[in-house]
Amino acid sequence: MSAPCLLSIVEIGGYVNFTTLYRQKGFEVEQVVSMRKATKLLKKIQPAVIVAEFNFQSDFRDRTSSLETLMAAVQRIPDCKVIVFYEKEQRPQLERLLAIFDIFSTIAFPIEESVISGVLDQALEQVV
């Protein structure tokens, strides 16, 4: 059986690169630097887990962030678990997204390796 795929989307970054942890957990890792590239890649792969950042964009008229575009594409991938990193002060805007889409877990910055490790273990328990 092949390793489950994890898609890591690092748009802004500023935190530890968790690729080594993802691989230690048994994931095959794909990493992109924009939601546009991630959405395009989702036409070719079906990740078991996606790790992305929530970046509130007040200039969007009908959305809170480009994460909404990604989530629309993720709806076509059965059992995909989405983990979202976010800034605590953006929680109210993130709540609007959580009311619309099924997001597996949200983790506030600063991201602790032990926290993401535990969330990945939970996701792996549910990978079919």
Protein backbone atom coordinates (compact mmCIF):
# COMPACT_ATOMS: atom_id res chain seq x y z
CA MET A 1 0.00 0.00 0.00
CA SER A 2 1.36 3.43 -0.89
CA ALA A 3 1.89 6.22 1.60
CA PRO A 4 -0.98 8.69 2.03
CA CYS A 5 -0.38 12.06 0.39
CA LEU A 6 -0.21 15.30 2.38
CA LEU A 7 -0.49 18.60 0.52
CA SER A 8 1.23 21.45 2.35
CA ILE A 9 0.30 24.96 1.22
CA VAL A 10 2.71 27.58 2.55
CA GLU A 11 1.66 31.00 1.26
CA ILE A 12 3.12 33.32 3.89
CA GLY A 13 5.03 30.95 6.16
CA GLY A 14 7.01 32.41 9.00
CA TYR A 15 6.84 29.15 10.95
CA VAL A 16 8.83 25.93 11.09
CA ASN A 17 8.81 23.80 7.95
CA PHE A 18 7.03 20.63 9.09
CA THR A 19 7.92 18.53 6.03
CA THR A 20 10.24 16.29 8.09
CA LEU A 21 7.45 15.67 10.61
CA TYR A 22 4.97 14.93 7.82
CA ARG A 23 7.36 12.36 6.35
CA GLN A 24 8.06 10.84 9.79
CA LYS A 25 4.31 10.29 10.12
CA GLY A 26 4.39 8.31 6.86
CA PHE A 27 3.07 10.87 4.39
CA GLU A 28 4.26 11.46 0.85
CA VAL A 29 4.52 15.28 0.84
CA GLU A 30 3.63 17.72 -1.92
CA GLN A 31 4.27 21.40 -1.16
CA VAL A 32 3.09 24.49 -3.03
CA VAL A 33 3.30 28.22 -2.31
CA SER A 34 -0.13 29.44 -3.43
CA MET A 35 -3.78 28.43 -3.33
CA ARG A 36 -3.89 28.74 -7.12
CA LYS A 37 -1.13 26.13 -7.48
CA ALA A 38 -2.81 23.93 -4.86
CA THR A 39 -6.16 24.05 -6.67
CA LYS A 40 -4.45 23.14 -9.94
CA LEU A 41 -2.56 20.27 -8.26
CA LEU A 42 -5.82 18.90 -6.82
CA LYS A 43 -6.84 18.03 -10.38
CA LYS A 44 -3.93 15.53 -10.42
CA ILE A 45 -3.73 14.24 -6.85
CA GLN A 46 -6.14 13.31 -4.07
CA PRO A 47 -4.39 14.03 -0.77
CA ALA A 48 -5.49 12.37 2.43
CA VAL A 49 -4.53 15.54 4.33
CA ILE A 50 -4.12 19.19 3.39
CA VAL A 51 -2.34 21.65 5.66
CA ALA A 52 -3.01 25.29 4.75
CA GLU A 53 -2.90 28.78 6.21
CA PHE A 54 -5.94 30.98 6.71
CA ASN A 55 -5.02 34.45 5.52
CA PHE A 56 -7.96 36.83 5.88
CA GLN A 57 -8.24 39.12 2.87
CA SER A 58 -10.57 42.05 3.48
CA ASP A 59 -10.41 43.08 -0.19
CA PHE A 60 -12.41 40.01 -1.25
CA ARG A 61 -16.01 41.04 -1.81
CA ASP A 62 -17.68 37.64 -1.46
CA ARG A 63 -15.10 35.53 0.41
CA THR A 64 -12.92 35.73 3.51
CA SER A 65 -9.82 34.22 1.88
CA SER A 66 -8.54 32.15 -1.01
CA LEU A 67 -8.91 29.14 1.28
CA GLU A 68 -12.60 29.13 0.32
CA THR A 69 -11.69 28.45 -3.30
CA LEU A 70 -9.52 25.55 -2.21
CA MET A 71 -12.24 24.16 0.06
CA ALA A 72 -14.70 24.13 -2.84
CA ALA A 73 -12.26 21.91 -4.75
CA VAL A 74 -11.61 19.72 -1.68
CA GLN A 75 -15.32 18.87 -1.46
CA ARG A 76 -14.75 16.53 -4.43
CA ILE A 77 -12.10 14.52 -2.55
CA PRO A 78 -13.72 11.95 -0.26
CA ASP A 79 -12.37 11.80 3.30
CA CYS A 80 -9.72 14.51 2.78
CA LYS A 81 -8.77 16.06 6.13
CA VAL A 82 -7.99 19.78 6.09
CA ILE A 83 -5.87 21.31 8.83
CA VAL A 84 -5.77 25.11 8.98
CA PHE A 85 -3.16 27.30 10.65
CA TYR A 86 -4.45 30.76 11.63
CA GLU A 87 -3.65 33.96 13.51
CA LYS A 88 -5.69 34.26 16.73
CA GLU A 89 -6.94 37.74 15.83
CA GLN A 90 -8.44 36.32 12.62
CA ARG A 91 -10.59 33.74 14.44
CA PRO A 92 -13.88 35.67 13.86
CA GLN A 93 -13.29 35.63 10.09
CA LEU A 94 -12.24 31.97 10.22
CA GLU A 95 -15.51 31.15 12.01
CA ARG A 96 -17.40 32.26 8.87
CA LEU A 97 -15.43 29.68 6.87
CA LEU A 98 -15.98 26.98 9.50
CA ALA A 99 -19.75 27.55 9.26
CA ILE A 100 -19.63 26.66 5.55
CA PHE A 101 -16.95 23.98 5.19
CA ASP A 102 -15.98 20.84 7.09
CA ILE A 103 -12.46 21.52 8.37
CA PHE A 104 -10.82 18.71 10.33
CA SER A 105 -8.75 20.90 12.67
CA THR A 106 -7.65 24.49 13.24
CA ILE A 107 -4.41 25.38 15.00
CA ALA A 108 -3.53 28.90 16.13
CA PHE A 109 -0.07 30.36 15.70
CA PRO A 110 2.51 29.81 17.07
CA ILE A 111 2.32 26.20 15.86
CA GLU A 112 3.84 23.72 18.28
CA GLU A 113 5.22 20.54 16.74
CA SER A 114 3.57 18.41 19.44
CA VAL A 115 0.15 19.87 18.57
CA ILE A 116 0.45 19.32 14.81
CA SER A 117 1.87 15.85 15.50
CA GLY A 118 -1.20 14.93 17.56
CA VAL A 119 -3.60 16.27 14.94
CA LEU A 120 -1.80 14.30 12.21
CA ASP A 121 -2.09 11.14 14.33
CA GLN A 122 -5.85 11.74 14.59
CA ALA A 123 -6.09 12.27 10.83
CA LEU A 124 -4.10 9.11 10.12
CA GLU A 125 -6.49 7.09 12.32
CA GLN A 126 -9.29 8.10 9.95
CA VAL A 127 -7.43 7.61 6.65
CA VAL A 128 -9.11 4.80 4.82
